[in-house]
Protein backbone atom coordinates (compact mmCIF):
# COMPACT_ATOMS: atom_id res chain seq x y z
CA MET A 1 17.73 -13.90 -19.74
CA SER A 2 19.58 -13.10 -16.53
CA SER A 3 22.64 -15.13 -15.33
CA THR A 4 20.74 -16.16 -12.35
CA ALA A 5 17.52 -17.16 -13.95
CA GLY A 6 16.27 -20.59 -12.84
CA LEU A 7 18.86 -20.53 -9.93
CA VAL A 8 18.28 -20.22 -6.30
CA ILE A 9 19.72 -16.71 -5.17
CA PRO A 10 21.41 -16.36 -1.85
CA CYS A 11 20.74 -12.79 -0.38
CA LYS A 12 20.26 -10.75 2.71
CA ALA A 13 16.72 -10.44 4.17
CA ALA A 14 15.50 -8.83 7.39
CA VAL A 15 13.76 -11.79 9.21
CA ALA A 16 11.21 -11.21 12.00
CA TRP A 17 11.64 -14.36 14.11
CA GLU A 18 9.03 -13.37 16.83
CA ALA A 19 6.48 -10.83 17.41
CA GLY A 20 7.80 -7.27 18.34
CA LYS A 21 11.46 -8.39 18.49
CA PRO A 22 14.01 -6.60 16.33
CA LEU A 23 14.37 -8.01 12.75
CA VAL A 24 17.44 -9.93 12.20
CA ILE A 25 19.45 -9.56 8.82
CA GLU A 26 20.02 -13.14 7.69
CA GLN A 27 21.30 -14.91 4.54
CA VAL A 28 18.28 -16.40 2.89
CA GLU A 29 17.85 -18.40 -0.19
CA VAL A 30 15.22 -17.26 -2.65
CA ALA A 31 13.92 -19.92 -5.15
CA PRO A 32 13.21 -19.17 -8.77
CA PRO A 33 9.85 -17.92 -9.79
CA GLN A 34 7.16 -20.59 -10.84
CA ALA A 35 4.37 -20.10 -13.48
CA LEU A 36 2.95 -16.63 -13.44
CA GLU A 37 5.54 -15.49 -10.80
CA VAL A 38 8.24 -12.88 -11.04
CA ARG A 39 11.51 -12.69 -9.16
CA ILE A 40 12.51 -9.12 -8.55
CA LYS A 41 15.62 -7.33 -7.05
CA ILE A 42 14.26 -4.84 -4.51
CA LYS A 43 16.07 -1.47 -4.81
CA TYR A 44 14.15 0.56 -2.16
CA THR A 45 11.53 -0.28 0.39
CA SER A 46 9.71 1.66 3.00
CA LEU A 47 7.98 0.87 6.20
CA CYS A 48 4.19 1.12 6.41
CA HIS A 49 1.94 0.85 9.58
CA THR A 50 0.70 -2.43 8.26
CA ASP A 51 4.21 -3.93 8.58
CA LEU A 52 4.33 -2.63 12.10
CA TYR A 53 0.93 -3.95 13.17
CA PHE A 54 1.46 -7.42 12.02
CA TRP A 55 5.05 -7.37 13.37
CA GLU A 56 3.50 -6.53 16.74
CA ALA A 57 1.07 -9.33 16.23
CA LYS A 58 -1.73 -7.38 17.76
CA GLY A 59 -5.23 -8.56 17.00
CA GLN A 60 -4.46 -11.24 14.49
CA THR A 61 -3.08 -14.74 14.24
CA PRO A 62 0.81 -14.44 14.31
CA LEU A 63 2.89 -15.96 11.69
CA PHE A 64 6.57 -16.11 12.29
CA PRO A 65 9.32 -16.41 10.98
CA ARG A 66 8.29 -13.79 8.42
CA ILE A 67 9.67 -11.48 5.93
CA PHE A 68 7.74 -8.36 6.14
CA GLY A 69 7.64 -5.32 3.68
CA HIS A 70 5.06 -4.30 1.05
CA GLU A 71 5.87 -0.72 -0.03
CA ALA A 72 8.77 -0.93 -2.39
CA ALA A 73 10.08 -0.63 -5.99
CA GLY A 74 12.52 -3.00 -7.83
CA ILE A 75 13.75 -4.47 -11.09
CA VAL A 76 12.66 -7.64 -12.74
CA GLU A 77 15.48 -10.36 -12.37
CA SER A 78 13.56 -13.33 -14.08
CA VAL A 79 10.11 -14.27 -14.88
CA GLY A 80 8.17 -17.67 -14.71
CA GLU A 81 6.47 -19.42 -17.35
CA GLY A 82 3.16 -17.77 -18.89
CA ILE A 83 4.39 -14.13 -18.68
CA SER A 84 4.74 -12.21 -21.79
CA ASP A 85 4.19 -8.52 -20.56
CA LEU A 86 7.24 -8.31 -18.18
CA LYS A 87 10.77 -8.91 -19.02
CA VAL A 88 14.29 -8.83 -17.27
CA GLY A 89 15.27 -5.46 -16.41
CA ASP A 90 11.73 -3.91 -16.19
CA HIS A 91 11.07 -1.39 -13.35
CA VAL A 92 8.11 -2.57 -11.13
CA LEU A 93 6.09 -1.77 -8.01
CA PRO A 94 4.99 -4.82 -6.07
CA VAL A 95 1.64 -4.30 -4.41
CA PHE A 96 -0.08 -6.00 -1.57
CA THR A 97 -3.17 -6.60 -3.72
CA GLY A 98 -3.38 -7.66 -7.24
CA GLU A 99 -5.22 -7.70 -10.59
CA CYS A 100 -5.68 -11.08 -12.24
CA GLY A 101 -7.31 -9.43 -15.18
CA GLU A 102 -10.00 -12.24 -15.44
CA CYS A 103 -12.33 -12.19 -12.39
CA ARG A 104 -15.55 -10.23 -12.11
CA HIS A 105 -13.85 -7.51 -10.07
CA CYS A 106 -11.01 -7.09 -12.59
CA GLN A 107 -13.50 -6.92 -15.43
CA SER A 108 -15.49 -4.42 -13.74
CA GLU A 109 -14.64 -0.62 -14.00
CA GLU A 110 -15.92 -0.06 -10.65
CA SER A 111 -13.93 -2.41 -8.56
CA ASN A 112 -10.22 -3.20 -7.77
CA MET A 113 -11.03 -6.16 -5.34
CA CYS A 114 -9.53 -8.94 -7.35
CA ASP A 115 -11.05 -12.35 -6.39
CA LEU A 116 -7.67 -14.16 -6.82
CA LEU A 117 -5.21 -11.76 -5.56
CA ARG A 118 -6.85 -9.38 -3.14
CA ILE A 119 -5.01 -8.71 0.29
CA ASN A 120 -4.69 -11.95 2.36
CA THR A 121 -2.89 -11.17 5.69
CA ASP A 122 -2.88 -14.75 6.91
CA ARG A 123 -1.21 -16.44 4.00
CA GLY A 124 2.54 -16.91 4.22
CA VAL A 125 3.05 -18.81 0.92
CA MET A 126 2.53 -18.45 -2.75
CA ILE A 127 -0.81 -19.22 -4.00
CA SER A 128 0.22 -21.32 -6.97
CA ASP A 129 1.57 -24.27 -4.83
CA GLY A 130 1.20 -23.28 -1.35
CA LYS A 131 5.01 -23.06 -0.71
CA SER A 132 7.30 -20.41 0.27
CA ARG A 133 9.99 -19.09 -2.13
CA PHE A 134 12.14 -18.32 0.96
CA SER A 135 14.30 -20.50 3.02
CA ILE A 136 17.10 -20.61 5.46
CA ASP A 137 19.11 -23.92 5.43
CA GLY A 138 16.11 -25.57 4.16
CA VAL A 139 13.59 -24.18 6.54
CA PRO A 140 10.85 -22.06 4.87
CA ILE A 141 10.30 -18.61 5.86
CA ASN A 142 6.75 -17.01 5.69
CA HIS A 143 5.81 -14.32 2.93
CA PHE A 144 3.92 -11.33 3.82
CA LEU A 145 1.12 -9.91 1.61
CA GLY A 146 2.57 -11.65 -1.30
CA THR A 147 5.50 -9.07 -1.45
CA SER A 148 7.99 -9.47 1.30
CA THR A 149 10.15 -6.53 0.24
CA PHE A 150 12.43 -6.59 3.24
CA SER A 151 14.67 -8.88 1.27
CA GLU A 152 17.15 -8.08 -1.47
CA TYR A 153 15.27 -10.36 -3.80
CA THR A 154 11.55 -11.49 -3.55
CA VAL A 155 9.18 -13.46 -5.62
CA VAL A 156 5.76 -11.87 -6.46
CA HIS A 157 2.78 -13.00 -8.56
CA ARG A 158 2.55 -11.36 -11.91
CA GLY A 159 -0.85 -9.78 -11.01
CA CYS A 160 0.80 -7.93 -7.91
CA LEU A 161 3.31 -6.05 -10.08
CA ALA A 162 2.90 -2.57 -11.83
CA LYS A 163 5.26 -1.85 -14.65
CA LEU A 164 6.78 1.55 -14.40
CA ASN A 165 8.29 4.28 -16.65
CA PRO A 166 11.99 3.44 -16.40
CA LEU A 167 12.80 6.94 -15.90
CA ALA A 168 10.81 7.21 -12.64
CA PRO A 169 13.21 7.48 -9.60
CA LEU A 170 12.55 4.33 -7.56
CA ASP A 171 13.73 5.87 -4.35
CA LYS A 172 10.61 8.07 -4.47
CA VAL A 173 7.88 6.23 -6.51
CA CYS A 174 8.24 3.20 -4.14
CA VAL A 175 5.84 4.93 -1.65
CA LEU A 176 3.11 4.71 -4.26
CA SER A 177 2.81 1.07 -3.84
CA CYS A 178 0.66 1.49 -0.73
CA GLY A 179 -0.14 4.34 1.52
CA ILE A 180 0.08 7.40 -0.65
CA SER A 181 -1.89 5.79 -3.46
CA THR A 182 -4.51 4.78 -0.83
CA GLY A 183 -5.13 8.36 0.30
CA LEU A 184 -4.67 9.97 -3.05
CA GLY A 185 -7.20 7.57 -4.66
CA ALA A 186 -9.79 7.90 -1.84
CA THR A 187 -9.94 11.51 -2.76
CA LEU A 188 -9.68 11.39 -6.60
CA ASN A 189 -11.36 8.22 -7.26
CA VAL A 190 -13.92 8.02 -4.55
CA ALA A 191 -14.76 11.30 -2.91
CA LYS A 192 -14.27 13.15 -6.33
CA PRO A 193 -14.36 16.78 -4.94
CA LYS A 194 -15.27 19.27 -7.44
CA LYS A 195 -13.05 22.27 -8.21
CA GLY A 196 -13.67 24.88 -5.38
CA SER A 197 -15.16 22.50 -2.83
CA SER A 198 -14.14 21.97 0.86
CA VAL A 199 -12.69 18.77 1.84
CA ALA A 200 -12.14 17.57 5.43
CA VAL A 201 -9.51 14.88 6.18
CA PHE A 202 -9.50 13.06 9.49
CA GLY A 203 -6.08 11.59 10.36
CA LEU A 204 -2.92 13.40 9.10
CA GLY A 205 -0.46 10.53 8.73
CA ALA A 206 0.87 9.72 5.24
CA VAL A 207 -2.46 8.34 4.04
CA GLY A 208 -4.32 11.33 5.33
CA LEU A 209 -1.82 13.76 3.96
CA ALA A 210 -2.04 11.99 0.57
CA ALA A 211 -5.79 12.44 0.67
CA ALA A 212 -5.14 16.11 1.19
CA GLU A 213 -2.78 16.10 -1.71
CA GLY A 214 -5.67 14.45 -3.69
CA ALA A 215 -7.83 17.39 -2.58
CA ARG A 216 -5.13 19.99 -3.68
CA ILE A 217 -4.81 18.28 -7.18
CA ALA A 218 -8.59 18.30 -7.61
CA GLY A 219 -8.67 22.12 -6.91
CA ALA A 220 -10.47 22.09 -3.57
CA SER A 221 -10.92 25.68 -2.14
CA ARG A 222 -10.58 24.37 1.53
CA ILE A 223 -8.76 21.43 2.86
CA ILE A 224 -9.45 21.10 6.59
CA GLY A 225 -7.00 18.95 8.61
CA VAL A 226 -8.58 19.36 11.95
CA ILE A 227 -12.14 20.64 11.98
CA ALA A 228 -12.53 23.59 14.25
CA GLU A 229 -15.73 25.00 12.57
CA MET A 230 -18.19 23.75 9.95
CA THR A 231 -18.52 25.40 6.66
CA ASN A 232 -22.01 26.46 6.01
CA GLY A 233 -23.69 23.41 7.37
CA GLY A 234 -20.91 21.00 6.53
CA VAL A 235 -18.08 20.19 4.11
CA ASP A 236 -18.56 19.01 0.51
CA ARG A 237 -16.30 15.95 0.95
CA SER A 238 -14.56 14.17 3.93
CA VAL A 239 -12.04 11.28 4.03
CA GLU A 240 -11.56 9.39 7.09
CA CYS A 241 -8.12 7.84 7.56
CA THR A 242 -7.82 6.80 11.16
CA GLY A 243 -9.89 3.70 11.45
CA HIS A 244 -11.29 5.03 14.80
CA ILE A 245 -15.16 4.68 15.00
CA ASP A 246 -15.81 8.15 16.53
CA ALA A 247 -13.83 9.74 13.74
CA MET A 248 -15.77 7.62 11.12
CA ILE A 249 -19.02 8.99 12.56
CA ALA A 250 -17.82 12.55 12.61
CA ALA A 251 -16.49 12.17 9.09
CA PHE A 252 -20.03 11.16 7.74
CA GLU A 253 -22.08 13.60 9.86
CA CYS A 254 -19.95 16.57 9.09
CA VAL A 255 -20.59 16.34 5.27
CA HIS A 256 -23.32 18.70 3.80
CA ASP A 257 -26.87 17.33 3.41
CA GLY A 258 -27.81 17.25 -0.20
CA TRP A 259 -24.59 16.43 -1.79
CA GLY A 260 -22.01 15.71 0.84
CA VAL A 261 -19.99 12.47 0.45
CA ALA A 262 -17.86 10.81 3.13
CA VAL A 263 -15.20 8.15 2.27
CA LEU A 264 -13.83 5.65 4.86
CA VAL A 265 -10.30 4.61 4.31
CA GLY A 266 -9.01 3.75 7.92
CA VAL A 267 -9.51 0.13 9.11
CA PRO A 268 -11.07 -0.37 12.35
CA ASN A 269 -10.95 -3.78 14.22
CA LYS A 270 -13.25 -6.58 12.89
CA GLU A 271 -15.72 -6.25 15.82
CA ALA A 272 -16.36 -2.47 15.45
CA VAL A 273 -19.85 -1.20 14.73
CA PHE A 274 -20.65 2.03 12.96
CA MET A 275 -23.91 3.80 14.03
CA THR A 276 -25.62 6.91 12.84
CA LYS A 277 -29.17 8.20 12.51
CA PRO A 278 -30.82 7.10 9.27
CA ILE A 279 -32.09 10.73 8.83
CA ASN A 280 -28.39 11.57 7.93
CA VAL A 281 -28.57 9.27 4.98
CA LEU A 282 -32.03 10.24 4.03
CA ASN A 283 -30.92 13.83 3.80
CA GLU A 284 -28.90 12.93 0.87
CA ARG A 285 -25.54 12.39 2.44
CA THR A 286 -23.52 9.58 0.94
CA LEU A 287 -21.18 7.17 2.78
CA LYS A 288 -18.56 5.15 0.69
CA GLY A 289 -15.54 2.98 1.41
CA THR A 290 -12.42 2.32 -0.47
CA PHE A 291 -9.71 -0.20 -0.77
CA PHE A 292 -6.25 0.92 -2.02
CA GLY A 293 -7.87 4.23 -3.34
CA ASN A 294 -9.85 2.05 -5.88
CA TYR A 295 -6.71 1.92 -8.05
CA LYS A 296 -6.15 -1.39 -10.03
CA PRO A 297 -2.40 -2.01 -9.44
CA ARG A 298 -1.40 -3.15 -13.09
CA THR A 299 -3.79 -0.97 -14.89
CA ASP A 300 -3.83 2.33 -12.92
CA LEU A 301 -0.52 2.68 -10.84
CA PRO A 302 1.63 3.42 -13.90
CA SER A 303 -0.58 6.53 -14.50
CA VAL A 304 -0.22 7.69 -10.83
CA VAL A 305 3.59 7.55 -11.39
CA GLU A 306 3.11 9.62 -14.53
CA MET A 307 1.38 12.23 -12.32
CA TYR A 308 4.52 12.41 -10.27
CA MET A 309 6.75 12.54 -13.31
CA ASN A 310 4.57 15.30 -14.82
CA LYS A 311 4.96 17.39 -11.60
CA LYS A 312 1.21 17.09 -10.97
CA LEU A 313 1.56 14.95 -7.81
CA GLU A 314 4.18 15.92 -4.99
CA LEU A 315 5.97 13.00 -3.26
CA ASP A 316 9.06 14.35 -1.75
CA LYS A 317 7.11 15.99 1.05
CA PHE A 318 6.04 12.56 2.24
CA ILE A 319 9.66 11.15 2.64
CA THR A 320 11.00 12.24 5.84
CA HIS A 321 13.91 9.85 6.65
CA ARG A 322 16.21 7.53 4.59
CA LEU A 323 18.20 4.81 5.99
CA PRO A 324 20.51 1.86 4.81
CA PHE A 325 19.06 -1.69 4.94
CA SER A 326 21.46 -2.46 7.83
CA ASP A 327 19.56 0.07 9.96
CA ILE A 328 15.93 -1.29 9.19
CA ASN A 329 15.18 -1.52 12.88
CA LYS A 330 15.63 2.14 13.22
CA ALA A 331 12.67 2.68 10.88
CA PHE A 332 10.48 0.61 13.18
CA GLU A 333 11.66 2.86 16.09
CA LEU A 334 10.91 6.11 14.10
CA MET A 335 7.36 4.83 13.38
CA LEU A 336 6.69 3.57 17.02
CA LYS A 337 7.69 7.05 18.20
CA GLY A 338 5.32 8.73 15.52
CA GLN A 339 8.44 10.51 14.13
CA GLY A 340 8.05 11.24 10.29
CA LEU A 341 5.81 9.99 7.53
CA ARG A 342 7.77 7.64 5.28
CA CYS A 343 11.26 6.19 5.78
CA ILE A 344 13.03 5.10 2.59
CA ILE A 345 15.40 2.04 3.01
CA ASN A 346 18.15 1.68 0.49
CA MET A 347 18.61 -2.11 -0.01
CA GLU A 348 22.00 -1.69 -1.34
CA GLU A 349 23.41 0.11 1.61
């Protein structure tokens, strides 16, 4: 039992008060976890395009004030009732989607789209009681994706936490809680390229490069970042990571007839329509979609961390910048300028 268990914890958090305006480091109060919830101390967090998108409030209902952040690693400070598989001091990755373990999706080996805990960008409260665990002078502050990792402490549903090998360096494996796992899993779990096959990746941000890393691990003979030429009628596998409709069509139509598989990862706007000729499907090309690389957070992420620990997966090349928490707005500036892949923010600096 930690000395702060059951108590409100005052701490620093980067609060977004309005769309597109710099975050403000504020003193917030973080309430204790309720049943099936865990309060964690965030050690390192990173900035992902999803944070940027909702901070800019483009194309969705704005919800402010809000504490963003969903790619992170931390340590369990206290647990709510009904939790037996996590304890104080455990190292964890908070994840923007979850695994309740009981719904049809969680029971299926083919899906990771939990009915209870799948991503919800509009919710700013905890699902158990519809209330926020964050407040400033009694005024509630909205959560983001059930994680809100731009805070020294946060409260997360048990199903959205992956327990880690305590020897894993948190300042590196934190990037596995979103983008890198999404791209990696799109290739390894969905495209499933055979050794010696050719793989095309559309979009070479962090997710796309993680898809390419998956192709490398799978033993692909050619990994094509920008397609200048086709390979004898097409590539064996393609992974689309931009969310642009033209790239989606190209990714599907560039795969080889007979056995080609295209996987869509990038998220287009809700009104977008995908069109291709039916003959492209009839000629035995396969089109698939994926969500979070088809990884179940609690079940599968620990093994992805072990891939890194066993030197099978490379992570260092994705980390291009490091900043103290006090400079979090600089991370937004870097991403807006398209500079770098992942910026690790040290919550204790």
